[in-house]
Amino acid sequence: MSEADRLIIFDTTLRDGEQSPGASMTREEKVRIARALERLQVDVIEAGFPAASQGDFESVRAVAQTITNARVCGLARANEQDIDRAGEAIAPAPAGRIHTFIATSPVHMEKKLQLTPDEVVARAMAAVGRARNLCDDVEFSPEDAGRSEPDFLCRIIEAAIDAGATTINIPDTVGYNLPTQFAGLIRGLRERIPNADRAVWSVHCHNDLGLAVANSLAAVREGARQIECTINGLGERAGNAALEEVVMALRTRRDDFPCDTRIETREIVPTSKLVANITGFQVQPNKAIVGINAFAHESGIHQDGVLKHRETYEIMRAEDVGWGTNRMVLGKHSGRNAFRSRCDELGIRFETAAQLNEAFQRFKDLADKKHEIFDEDLQAVATEAVAALEEDQGVTLVAFRCCSETGETPVADVTLNVDGEERQSSAAGDGPVDAAFKAIDGILGVEAELLLYSVNNITTGTDAQGEVTVRLERGGRVVNGQGSDTDIVIASANAYLNALNRLRARGQRTHPQTEGV
């Protein structure tokens, strides 16, 4: 693929995706997702905002120390401190990038920055120049470009390129643009700016009107050769352009686009599941490409057509994006080699023998409860096993009993292991889950607000595992907890404990909701 035919995929799941309230990730979780993105063969991984916090700095540095086949990027505001911090964080990466930005729309310059246009241009040039002294790959973004004045955009972008920017990113920060309008903006900037050919043109579109992917693809037709996107469309507010949708639109409609990506599409579904499990943001069933119904056919007419010739109702093959063709895979008599082999086929990777052993033991425990183990069960087992080894599990569930009957108030008896000491409590509640949570609170005395309680079935059938997500907030910190079990109430208790452990853990942080592109 020539450079002219290649579209750069810039993944910002670890930065903009993490700005979804409750989607905060630990350093270890960021590294796991970064490894998955590397297997997916994304070109650039925006690992975080190093100046936002010490935790974010350490996470970006850890990704930079781990990734070898993708460029690692750090975001920085247009000031010396942010630029230097980003440069230090990405320094270990074989290939790094500093991405600096400053707001350019009238409302942002006047109300937020309280700077004149001349001052904004001067800051942009100084930031790009300083970044270029630290890194040979510098990206510049005029924040809120979609609502900025075109004449001023031309001025500041020309200055940024002269200062050394190698990529110019045009963000539709608030998701305000329509595809024809956004395409016209890209076309006009590239035609009017004299040095436009000295930089790669990029777009970063938000999905407030559901147009992030459409706007991104419209920009590609006008010469953009980098798209900034996230796994599952994760991101602030309504999210960002979904990587899987962008990639498969280009791959499926090669007749209509002059470029393609180098993405290994068979890694799309495994990466999607990993991000969903870590962040607690589950994918809706009818989500394009990665939703569980994306390749399902209920209508008899559709089923008949697909059976006769797949292309009658399918424009993509499920296996090309990572869906397994054999969904029932293992049972309680399956051995370690069969387990590891199927995990490899699903794109599930274990970095250490301890992770494999923990996952295999959890698989065996599940197989004693559930006769048939499906691919989705393995994804959940693997994610929980790795998390259990990497996170502080100071509190674990030892025993649980709950009585619930018609006309009676449910009561839960809970025994926990708290830092090596067993403690017991009982509590009544409006339902068995409420009673379980109150019993746990009686032991730990943690005051946290429950923001979200969500239950999803991992597979079909009455013996299916329930996957529970719990989101808690305390003192401005928001964390997610996950748990799965064939018993929904036990899964709920484990999810609640998982979230509480994250609140208790030292060094755990929530990504600040800082400004960004």
Protein backbone atom coordinates (compact mmCIF):
# COMPACT_ATOMS: atom_id res chain seq x y z
CA MET A 1 0.00 0.00 0.00
CA SER A 2 1.49 3.36 -1.02
CA GLU A 3 1.41 6.33 1.37
CA ALA A 4 -1.24 7.97 -0.83
CA ASP A 5 -3.43 4.86 -0.57
CA ARG A 6 -2.96 4.38 3.18
CA LEU A 7 -5.26 5.81 5.84
CA ILE A 8 -3.61 6.20 9.26
CA ILE A 9 -5.72 4.92 12.15
CA PHE A 10 -5.11 6.99 15.26
CA ASP A 11 -6.73 5.29 18.25
CA THR A 12 -7.61 7.47 21.24
CA THR A 13 -9.46 4.90 23.36
CA LEU A 14 -6.89 5.31 26.13
CA ARG A 15 -7.21 9.10 26.13
CA ASP A 16 -10.52 10.46 24.82
CA GLY A 17 -12.27 7.13 25.41
CA GLU A 18 -11.18 7.22 29.04
CA GLN A 19 -12.86 10.60 29.48
CA SER A 20 -16.24 8.87 29.48
CA PRO A 21 -17.38 9.22 33.12
CA GLY A 22 -16.66 5.88 34.77
CA ALA A 23 -14.37 4.59 32.05
CA SER A 24 -11.17 5.29 33.98
CA MET A 25 -8.49 2.64 33.53
CA THR A 26 -5.56 1.59 35.67
CA ARG A 27 -2.05 1.59 34.27
CA GLU A 28 -2.16 -2.19 33.86
CA GLU A 29 -5.49 -2.02 32.05
CA LYS A 30 -4.14 0.62 29.69
CA VAL A 31 -1.17 -1.59 28.86
CA ARG A 32 -3.46 -4.57 28.18
CA ILE A 33 -5.60 -2.53 25.81
CA ALA A 34 -2.50 -1.05 24.16
CA ARG A 35 -1.22 -4.57 23.45
CA ALA A 36 -4.58 -5.43 21.89
CA LEU A 37 -4.42 -2.27 19.76
CA GLU A 38 -0.95 -3.28 18.64
CA ARG A 39 -2.27 -6.69 17.54
CA LEU A 40 -5.06 -4.82 15.76
CA GLN A 41 -2.25 -2.94 13.94
CA VAL A 42 -3.41 0.58 14.63
CA ASP A 43 -0.83 3.12 13.50
CA VAL A 44 -0.92 5.55 16.44
CA ILE A 45 -1.98 4.93 20.04
CA GLU A 46 -2.84 8.09 21.97
CA ALA A 47 -2.04 6.72 25.40
CA GLY A 48 -3.20 9.62 27.54
CA PHE A 49 -2.74 13.16 28.79
CA PRO A 50 0.55 13.03 30.75
CA ALA A 51 0.15 16.45 32.41
CA ALA A 52 -3.34 15.63 33.71
CA SER A 53 -2.05 13.61 36.67
CA GLN A 54 0.88 11.54 37.87
CA GLY A 55 -1.17 8.42 37.23
CA ASP A 56 -1.79 9.37 33.62
CA PHE A 57 1.90 10.20 33.13
CA GLU A 58 2.90 6.78 34.46
CA SER A 59 0.31 5.06 32.26
CA VAL A 60 1.54 6.77 29.09
CA ARG A 61 5.13 5.93 30.00
CA ALA A 62 4.20 2.28 30.65
CA VAL A 63 2.55 2.06 27.23
CA ALA A 64 5.59 3.70 25.64
CA GLN A 65 7.83 1.10 27.29
CA THR A 66 5.64 -1.76 26.06
CA ILE A 67 4.60 -0.98 22.47
CA THR A 68 7.03 -1.57 19.61
CA ASN A 69 4.90 -1.71 16.45
CA ALA A 70 2.79 1.42 16.78
CA ARG A 71 3.55 5.08 17.41
CA VAL A 72 2.77 6.16 21.00
CA CYS A 73 1.28 9.63 21.42
CA GLY A 74 0.78 11.92 24.40
CA LEU A 75 -1.65 14.86 24.46
CA ALA A 76 -0.54 18.31 25.66
CA ARG A 77 -2.07 21.73 25.94
CA ALA A 78 -0.17 24.56 24.29
CA ASN A 79 2.11 25.37 27.21
CA GLU A 80 5.67 24.47 28.16
CA GLN A 81 4.81 22.30 31.15
CA ASP A 82 2.39 20.08 29.22
CA ILE A 83 4.75 19.74 26.25
CA ASP A 84 7.72 18.77 28.42
CA ARG A 85 5.63 16.29 30.40
CA ALA A 86 4.37 14.63 27.23
CA GLY A 87 7.87 14.45 25.81
CA GLU A 88 9.15 12.77 28.96
CA ALA A 89 6.27 10.27 29.02
CA ILE A 90 6.67 9.07 25.42
CA ALA A 91 10.49 9.06 25.48
CA PRO A 92 10.84 5.26 25.89
CA ALA A 93 8.76 4.53 22.76
CA PRO A 94 10.60 3.45 19.60
CA ALA A 95 8.29 5.86 17.77
CA GLY A 96 6.60 8.73 19.60
CA ARG A 97 4.39 11.72 18.93
CA ILE A 98 3.39 14.83 20.84
CA HIS A 99 -0.14 16.03 20.12
CA THR A 100 -0.67 19.64 21.17
CA PHE A 101 -3.85 21.69 20.89
CA ILE A 102 -5.40 25.06 21.59
CA ALA A 103 -8.97 26.28 21.12
CA THR A 104 -9.67 28.41 18.04
CA SER A 105 -13.42 29.06 17.95
CA PRO A 106 -14.54 32.58 18.97
CA VAL A 107 -16.53 31.31 21.94
CA HIS A 108 -13.60 29.24 23.25
CA MET A 109 -11.00 31.97 22.75
CA GLU A 110 -13.11 34.65 24.37
CA LYS A 111 -14.92 32.78 27.14
CA LYS A 112 -12.52 29.95 28.05
CA LEU A 113 -9.01 31.07 27.16
CA GLN A 114 -9.65 34.80 27.40
CA LEU A 115 -6.99 35.35 24.75
CA THR A 116 -6.93 37.38 21.56
CA PRO A 117 -6.52 35.57 18.21
CA ASP A 118 -2.95 36.90 17.95
CA GLU A 119 -2.11 35.44 21.37
CA VAL A 120 -3.61 32.08 20.39
CA VAL A 121 -1.49 31.93 17.23
CA ALA A 122 1.64 32.81 19.20
CA ARG A 123 0.96 30.09 21.77
CA ALA A 124 0.33 27.52 19.07
CA MET A 125 3.59 28.31 17.29
CA ALA A 126 5.56 28.23 20.54
CA ALA A 127 4.02 24.91 21.57
CA VAL A 128 4.66 23.22 18.22
CA GLY A 129 8.23 24.54 18.14
CA ARG A 130 8.97 23.30 21.66
CA ALA A 131 7.40 19.90 20.89
CA ARG A 132 9.43 19.60 17.71
CA ASN A 133 12.62 20.03 19.76
CA LEU A 134 11.60 16.97 21.80
CA CYS A 135 10.07 14.79 19.08
CA ASP A 136 10.25 14.63 15.28
CA ASP A 137 6.53 13.83 14.99
CA VAL A 138 4.23 16.63 16.18
CA GLU A 139 0.49 16.89 15.71
CA PHE A 140 -1.42 20.15 16.09
CA SER A 141 -5.17 20.47 16.67
CA PRO A 142 -7.22 23.68 16.63
CA GLU A 143 -9.80 22.67 19.22
CA ASP A 144 -13.44 23.25 18.19
CA ALA A 145 -12.34 23.73 14.58
CA GLY A 146 -15.84 22.80 13.45
CA ARG A 147 -17.12 26.11 14.89
CA SER A 148 -14.04 28.20 14.13
CA GLU A 149 -13.80 30.91 11.48
CA PRO A 150 -12.16 29.48 8.31
CA ASP A 151 -9.93 32.51 7.80
CA PHE A 152 -8.49 32.21 11.28
CA LEU A 153 -8.06 28.43 10.86
CA CYS A 154 -6.04 29.04 7.71
CA ARG A 155 -3.83 31.48 9.55
CA ILE A 156 -3.11 29.35 12.62
CA ILE A 157 -2.66 26.10 10.69
CA GLU A 158 -0.20 27.67 8.26
CA ALA A 159 1.76 29.00 11.24
CA ALA A 160 1.70 25.58 12.97
CA ILE A 161 3.05 23.83 9.87
CA ASP A 162 5.81 26.44 9.54
CA ALA A 163 6.66 25.83 13.20
CA GLY A 164 7.13 22.11 12.55
CA ALA A 165 3.76 20.33 12.81
CA THR A 166 3.77 17.15 10.73
CA THR A 167 0.08 16.30 11.23
CA ILE A 168 -2.81 18.77 11.26
CA ASN A 169 -5.91 17.46 12.98
CA ILE A 170 -9.31 19.12 12.47
CA PRO A 171 -11.61 18.29 15.40
CA ASP A 172 -15.38 18.54 15.37
CA THR A 173 -15.13 18.83 19.15
CA VAL A 174 -18.83 19.12 19.91
CA GLY A 175 -20.17 17.00 17.06
CA TYR A 176 -21.86 19.98 15.44
CA ASN A 177 -20.94 19.54 11.77
CA LEU A 178 -22.85 17.81 8.98
CA PRO A 179 -20.95 15.61 6.48
CA THR A 180 -21.24 18.01 3.53
CA GLN A 181 -20.24 20.95 5.72
CA PHE A 182 -17.28 19.13 7.26
CA ALA A 183 -16.07 17.89 3.88
CA GLY A 184 -16.23 21.45 2.59
CA LEU A 185 -14.18 22.67 5.55
CA ILE A 186 -11.41 20.13 4.89
CA ARG A 187 -11.43 20.86 1.16
CA GLY A 188 -11.29 24.63 1.71
CA LEU A 189 -8.43 24.46 4.22
CA ARG A 190 -6.32 22.20 2.02
CA GLU A 191 -6.89 24.44 -1.00
CA ARG A 192 -6.27 27.77 0.76
CA ILE A 193 -3.28 27.01 3.01
CA PRO A 194 -0.03 27.39 1.00
CA ASN A 195 1.97 24.78 2.92
CA ALA A 196 -0.88 22.28 3.31
CA ASP A 197 1.05 19.62 1.39
CA ARG A 198 3.74 19.52 4.11
CA ALA A 199 1.46 17.84 6.68
CA VAL A 200 -0.81 14.82 6.97
CA TRP A 201 -4.42 15.91 7.39
CA SER A 202 -6.41 14.29 10.17
CA VAL A 203 -9.93 14.49 11.62
CA HIS A 204 -11.32 13.88 15.10
CA CYS A 205 -15.12 13.75 15.12
CA HIS A 206 -17.50 13.48 18.05
CA ASN A 207 -20.85 11.74 17.84
CA ASP A 208 -23.27 14.18 19.48
CA LEU A 209 -25.55 14.08 16.42
CA GLY A 210 -24.66 10.49 15.49
CA LEU A 211 -22.51 11.71 12.58
CA ALA A 212 -18.94 11.04 13.74
CA VAL A 213 -18.25 8.19 11.31
CA ALA A 214 -20.09 9.93 8.44
CA ASN A 215 -18.11 13.15 8.98
CA SER A 216 -14.84 11.23 9.18
CA LEU A 217 -15.48 9.36 5.94
CA ALA A 218 -16.58 12.58 4.21
CA ALA A 219 -13.23 14.11 5.18
CA VAL A 220 -11.36 11.14 3.72
CA ARG A 221 -12.87 11.90 0.32
CA GLU A 222 -11.41 15.41 0.61
CA GLY A 223 -7.88 14.24 1.34
CA ALA A 224 -7.77 13.49 5.06
CA ARG A 225 -5.38 10.60 5.61
CA GLN A 226 -5.71 10.07 9.34
CA ILE A 227 -8.86 9.35 11.33
CA GLU A 228 -8.91 9.61 15.10
CA CYS A 229 -11.30 7.07 16.57
CA THR A 230 -11.97 4.74 19.48
CA ILE A 231 -12.93 1.12 20.05
CA ASN A 232 -16.73 0.80 20.33
CA GLY A 233 -17.03 4.56 19.72
CA LEU A 234 -16.16 5.16 23.38
CA GLY A 235 -15.58 8.76 24.41
CA GLU A 236 -16.75 11.91 26.09
CA ARG A 237 -20.51 12.60 25.95
CA ALA A 238 -21.90 10.62 22.97
CA GLY A 239 -18.45 9.31 22.08
CA ASN A 240 -16.13 9.39 19.09
CA ALA A 241 -16.05 7.86 15.64
CA ALA A 242 -16.04 4.07 16.12
CA LEU A 243 -12.85 2.48 14.82
CA GLU A 244 -14.61 -0.71 13.75
CA GLU A 245 -17.18 1.18 11.69
CA VAL A 246 -14.61 3.39 10.00
CA VAL A 247 -12.34 0.48 9.11
CA MET A 248 -15.06 -1.82 7.80
CA ALA A 249 -16.74 0.97 5.83
CA LEU A 250 -13.46 1.58 4.02
CA ARG A 251 -12.74 -2.13 3.58
CA THR A 252 -16.24 -2.98 2.35
CA ARG A 253 -16.59 0.05 0.06
CA ARG A 254 -13.19 0.09 -1.59
CA ASP A 255 -15.05 1.03 -4.76
CA ASP A 256 -15.87 4.41 -3.26
CA PHE A 257 -12.77 5.33 -1.26
CA PRO A 258 -9.24 5.99 -2.54
CA CYS A 259 -7.49 4.44 0.50
CA ASP A 260 -7.49 1.58 3.00
CA THR A 261 -6.03 0.80 6.42
CA ARG A 262 -3.56 -1.82 7.58
CA ILE A 263 -5.90 -2.96 10.38
CA GLU A 264 -6.01 -6.70 11.12
CA THR A 265 -9.79 -6.89 11.11
CA ARG A 266 -9.99 -10.32 12.77
CA GLU A 267 -8.81 -8.63 15.97
CA ILE A 268 -11.75 -6.20 16.01
CA VAL A 269 -14.21 -8.29 18.05
CA PRO A 270 -11.65 -9.51 20.64
CA THR A 271 -10.46 -5.94 21.16
CA SER A 272 -14.03 -4.69 21.42
CA LYS A 273 -14.84 -7.25 24.10
CA LEU A 274 -11.68 -6.44 26.04
CA VAL A 275 -12.45 -2.71 26.10
CA ALA A 276 -16.08 -3.36 27.07
CA ASN A 277 -15.08 -5.64 29.93
CA ILE A 278 -12.41 -3.29 31.29
CA THR A 279 -14.44 -0.08 31.06
CA GLY A 280 -17.83 -1.56 31.96
CA PHE A 281 -19.37 0.10 28.89
CA GLN A 282 -21.12 -2.83 27.26
CA VAL A 283 -21.85 -2.86 23.53
CA GLN A 284 -25.49 -2.57 22.51
CA PRO A 285 -26.75 -5.71 20.74
CA ASN A 286 -27.53 -3.94 17.46
CA LYS A 287 -24.22 -2.03 17.33
CA ALA A 288 -22.65 -2.21 13.86
CA ILE A 289 -19.80 -4.74 13.44
CA VAL A 290 -19.32 -5.68 17.12
CA GLY A 291 -22.90 -5.96 18.45
CA ILE A 292 -24.01 -9.51 19.13
CA ASN A 293 -26.86 -9.08 16.61
CA ALA A 294 -24.67 -7.52 13.90
CA PHE A 295 -24.67 -10.75 11.87
CA ALA A 296 -27.89 -12.31 13.19
CA HIS A 297 -30.85 -12.98 10.88
CA GLU A 298 -34.33 -13.38 12.38
CA SER A 299 -36.53 -12.84 9.33
CA GLY A 300 -37.38 -16.01 7.45
CA ILE A 301 -36.83 -14.26 4.14
CA HIS A 302 -33.37 -13.12 5.25
CA GLN A 303 -32.48 -16.56 6.60
CA ASP A 304 -33.53 -18.21 3.37
CA GLY A 305 -31.51 -15.74 1.32
CA VAL A 306 -28.35 -16.15 3.40
CA LEU A 307 -28.58 -19.92 3.27
CA LYS A 308 -28.85 -19.80 -0.53
CA HIS A 309 -26.14 -17.15 -1.00
CA ARG A 310 -24.53 -15.22 1.87
CA GLU A 311 -24.20 -11.97 -0.03
CA THR A 312 -27.97 -11.61 -0.41
CA TYR A 313 -28.14 -10.08 3.07
CA GLU A 314 -24.54 -9.87 4.34
CA ILE A 315 -22.04 -7.33 3.03
CA MET A 316 -19.28 -8.61 5.35
CA ARG A 317 -18.25 -11.99 6.72
CA ALA A 318 -18.60 -12.34 10.49
CA GLU A 319 -15.33 -14.25 10.72
CA ASP A 320 -13.45 -11.41 9.00
CA VAL A 321 -14.01 -9.14 12.00
CA GLY A 322 -13.33 -11.78 14.63
CA TRP A 323 -16.65 -13.47 15.30
CA GLY A 324 -16.20 -17.19 15.83
CA THR A 325 -18.03 -19.61 13.57
CA ASN A 326 -18.17 -22.31 16.28
CA ARG A 327 -19.71 -20.67 19.33
CA MET A 328 -19.89 -23.78 21.60
CA VAL A 329 -16.33 -24.73 22.35
CA LEU A 330 -15.51 -26.35 25.66
CA GLY A 331 -16.87 -28.26 28.65
CA LYS A 332 -15.73 -29.52 32.03
CA HIS A 333 -13.73 -32.36 30.48
CA SER A 334 -11.66 -30.05 28.32
CA GLY A 335 -7.99 -29.77 29.22
CA ARG A 336 -5.55 -26.90 29.56
CA ASN A 337 -4.24 -27.21 25.99
CA ALA A 338 -7.74 -27.07 24.50
CA PHE A 339 -8.55 -24.07 26.68
CA ARG A 340 -5.40 -22.21 25.68
CA SER A 341 -5.82 -23.09 22.01
CA ARG A 342 -9.38 -21.75 21.88
CA CYS A 343 -8.33 -18.59 23.70
CA ASP A 344 -5.59 -18.08 21.10
CA GLU A 345 -8.16 -18.46 18.32
CA LEU A 346 -10.32 -15.81 19.99
CA GLY A 347 -7.43 -13.37 20.32
CA ILE A 348 -7.24 -13.78 24.11
CA ARG A 349 -3.60 -13.46 25.18
CA PHE A 350 -2.03 -14.32 28.54
CA GLU A 351 1.20 -12.50 29.28
CA THR A 352 2.25 -14.83 32.11
CA ALA A 353 1.79 -18.42 33.19
CA ALA A 354 0.05 -17.14 36.32
CA GLN A 355 -2.62 -15.45 34.20
CA LEU A 356 -3.21 -18.64 32.21
CA ASN A 357 -3.42 -20.74 35.38
CA GLU A 358 -5.87 -18.34 37.02
CA ALA A 359 -8.06 -18.23 33.92
CA PHE A 360 -8.02 -22.00 33.52
CA GLN A 361 -9.05 -22.52 37.14
CA ARG A 362 -11.93 -20.06 36.71
CA PHE A 363 -12.93 -21.88 33.53
CA LYS A 364 -13.01 -25.18 35.42
CA ASP A 365 -15.09 -23.67 38.22
CA LEU A 366 -17.55 -22.33 35.65
CA ALA A 367 -17.68 -25.66 33.82
CA ASP A 368 -18.85 -27.32 37.04
CA LYS A 369 -21.88 -25.01 37.03
CA LYS A 370 -22.52 -24.68 33.30
CA HIS A 371 -22.53 -27.62 30.89
CA GLU A 372 -21.59 -25.74 27.73
CA ILE A 373 -18.91 -23.03 27.69
CA PHE A 374 -19.19 -20.49 24.88
CA ASP A 375 -16.70 -18.05 23.40
CA GLU A 376 -18.28 -15.15 25.29
CA ASP A 377 -17.83 -17.07 28.56
CA LEU A 378 -14.12 -17.43 27.83
CA GLN A 379 -13.78 -13.69 27.20
CA ALA A 380 -15.33 -12.92 30.59
CA VAL A 381 -13.27 -15.59 32.38
CA ALA A 382 -10.01 -14.29 30.89
CA THR A 383 -10.73 -10.65 31.68
CA GLU A 384 -11.63 -11.35 35.31
CA ALA A 385 -8.62 -13.64 35.77
CA VAL A 386 -6.11 -11.06 34.57
CA ALA A 387 -7.78 -8.29 36.58
CA ALA A 388 -7.74 -10.44 39.74
CA LEU A 389 -3.97 -10.84 39.50
CA GLU A 390 -3.21 -7.22 38.60
CA GLU A 391 -5.53 -5.40 41.00
CA ASP A 392 -5.65 -5.15 44.75
CA GLN A 393 -8.14 -7.82 45.84
CA GLY A 394 -8.06 -6.89 49.50
CA VAL A 395 -11.72 -7.83 49.92
CA THR A 396 -13.13 -11.09 48.56
CA LEU A 397 -16.40 -12.93 48.91
CA VAL A 398 -16.11 -16.03 51.11
CA ALA A 399 -19.74 -17.06 51.56
CA PHE A 400 -23.14 -15.74 50.57
CA ARG A 401 -26.67 -16.69 51.46
CA CYS A 402 -29.87 -14.88 50.56
CA CYS A 403 -33.51 -15.66 51.29
CA SER A 404 -36.12 -14.17 48.99
CA GLU A 405 -39.79 -15.16 48.90
CA THR A 406 -43.11 -13.65 47.98
CA GLY A 407 -44.45 -11.29 50.62
CA GLU A 408 -41.27 -11.34 52.70
CA THR A 409 -38.38 -8.88 52.92
CA PRO A 410 -35.19 -10.39 51.42
CA VAL A 411 -32.30 -10.91 53.83
CA ALA A 412 -28.67 -11.51 52.83
CA ASP A 413 -25.92 -13.09 54.94
CA VAL A 414 -22.44 -12.21 53.68
CA THR A 415 -18.99 -13.36 54.78
CA LEU A 416 -16.01 -11.43 53.42
CA ASN A 417 -12.26 -11.84 53.66
CA VAL A 418 -10.99 -8.34 54.43
CA ASP A 419 -7.20 -8.15 54.24
CA GLY A 420 -6.90 -11.70 55.58
CA GLU A 421 -9.60 -11.46 58.26
CA GLU A 422 -13.07 -12.99 57.85
CA ARG A 423 -16.03 -10.75 58.73
CA GLN A 424 -19.76 -11.45 58.57
CA SER A 425 -22.87 -9.29 58.30
CA SER A 426 -26.59 -9.62 57.58
CA ALA A 427 -28.93 -7.05 56.10
CA ALA A 428 -32.45 -6.73 54.71
CA GLY A 429 -33.21 -4.93 51.47
CA ASP A 430 -35.83 -4.13 48.88
CA GLY A 431 -34.55 -7.11 46.86
CA PRO A 432 -31.78 -9.71 47.11
CA VAL A 433 -29.22 -7.49 45.36
CA ASP A 434 -30.06 -4.50 47.57
CA ALA A 435 -29.78 -6.74 50.65
CA ALA A 436 -26.40 -8.05 49.48
CA PHE A 437 -25.02 -4.57 48.92
CA LYS A 438 -26.24 -3.39 52.33
CA ALA A 439 -24.66 -6.41 54.05
CA ILE A 440 -21.34 -5.64 52.33
CA ASP A 441 -21.63 -1.98 53.37
CA GLY A 442 -22.21 -3.15 56.94
CA ILE A 443 -18.82 -4.84 56.92
CA LEU A 444 -16.77 -2.30 55.03
CA GLY A 445 -18.47 0.94 56.03
CA VAL A 446 -17.68 2.47 52.65
CA GLU A 447 -19.95 5.36 51.73
CA ALA A 448 -20.22 5.49 47.94
CA GLU A 449 -23.02 6.51 45.61
CA LEU A 450 -24.30 3.85 43.22
CA LEU A 451 -24.41 5.49 39.77
CA LEU A 452 -25.11 2.43 37.63
CA TYR A 453 -26.24 -1.14 38.06
CA SER A 454 -26.45 -3.13 34.84
CA VAL A 455 -26.98 -6.82 34.06
CA ASN A 456 -26.28 -8.46 30.71
CA ASN A 457 -26.51 -12.10 29.74
CA ILE A 458 -23.19 -13.29 28.34
CA THR A 459 -24.79 -16.12 26.33
CA THR A 460 -28.26 -17.58 25.85
CA GLY A 461 -30.01 -20.22 27.94
CA THR A 462 -31.20 -20.47 31.52
CA ASP A 463 -27.72 -21.49 32.65
CA ALA A 464 -26.09 -18.44 31.03
CA GLN A 465 -23.72 -16.31 33.04
CA GLY A 466 -24.98 -12.92 34.04
CA GLU A 467 -22.43 -10.15 33.67
CA VAL A 468 -22.99 -7.31 36.13
CA THR A 469 -21.50 -3.82 35.95
CA VAL A 470 -21.56 -1.55 38.99
CA ARG A 471 -20.44 2.10 38.87
CA LEU A 472 -19.66 3.88 42.15
CA GLU A 473 -18.71 7.47 42.97
CA ARG A 474 -16.99 8.74 46.09
CA GLY A 475 -15.33 12.10 46.57
CA GLY A 476 -15.33 12.84 42.85
CA ARG A 477 -13.80 9.50 41.94
CA VAL A 478 -15.81 7.23 39.66
CA VAL A 479 -14.98 3.54 39.28
CA ASN A 480 -16.51 0.52 37.57
CA GLY A 481 -16.71 -2.99 38.94
CA GLN A 482 -17.52 -6.16 37.04
CA GLY A 483 -18.60 -9.62 38.08
CA SER A 484 -20.03 -12.65 36.32
CA ASP A 485 -21.66 -15.83 37.53
CA THR A 486 -24.52 -18.14 36.69
CA ASP A 487 -26.15 -16.72 39.84
CA ILE A 488 -27.04 -13.06 39.19
CA VAL A 489 -27.01 -12.09 42.86
CA ILE A 490 -23.52 -13.53 43.40
CA ALA A 491 -22.36 -11.80 40.20
CA SER A 492 -23.78 -8.57 41.62
CA ALA A 493 -21.97 -9.01 44.93
CA ASN A 494 -18.68 -9.68 43.13
CA ALA A 495 -19.14 -6.64 40.88
CA TYR A 496 -19.85 -4.46 43.92
CA LEU A 497 -16.75 -5.78 45.68
CA ASN A 498 -14.66 -5.25 42.54
CA ALA A 499 -15.69 -1.58 42.49
CA LEU A 500 -15.09 -1.18 46.22
CA ASN A 501 -11.63 -2.71 45.91
CA ARG A 502 -10.84 -0.12 43.26
CA LEU A 503 -11.99 2.66 45.54
CA ARG A 504 -9.84 1.29 48.36
CA ALA A 505 -6.72 0.78 46.25
CA ARG A 506 -3.99 3.34 46.62
CA GLY A 507 -2.83 4.93 43.42
CA GLN A 508 -6.13 4.24 41.70
CA ARG A 509 -7.32 7.42 40.00
CA THR A 510 -10.08 8.71 37.85
CA HIS A 511 -9.10 10.54 34.69
CA PRO A 512 -9.86 14.24 35.22
CA GLN A 513 -12.41 15.63 32.81
CA THR A 514 -9.89 18.03 31.31
CA GLU A 515 -10.34 19.97 28.13
CA GLY A 516 -9.37 18.19 24.94
CA VAL A 517 -9.96 17.95 21.23
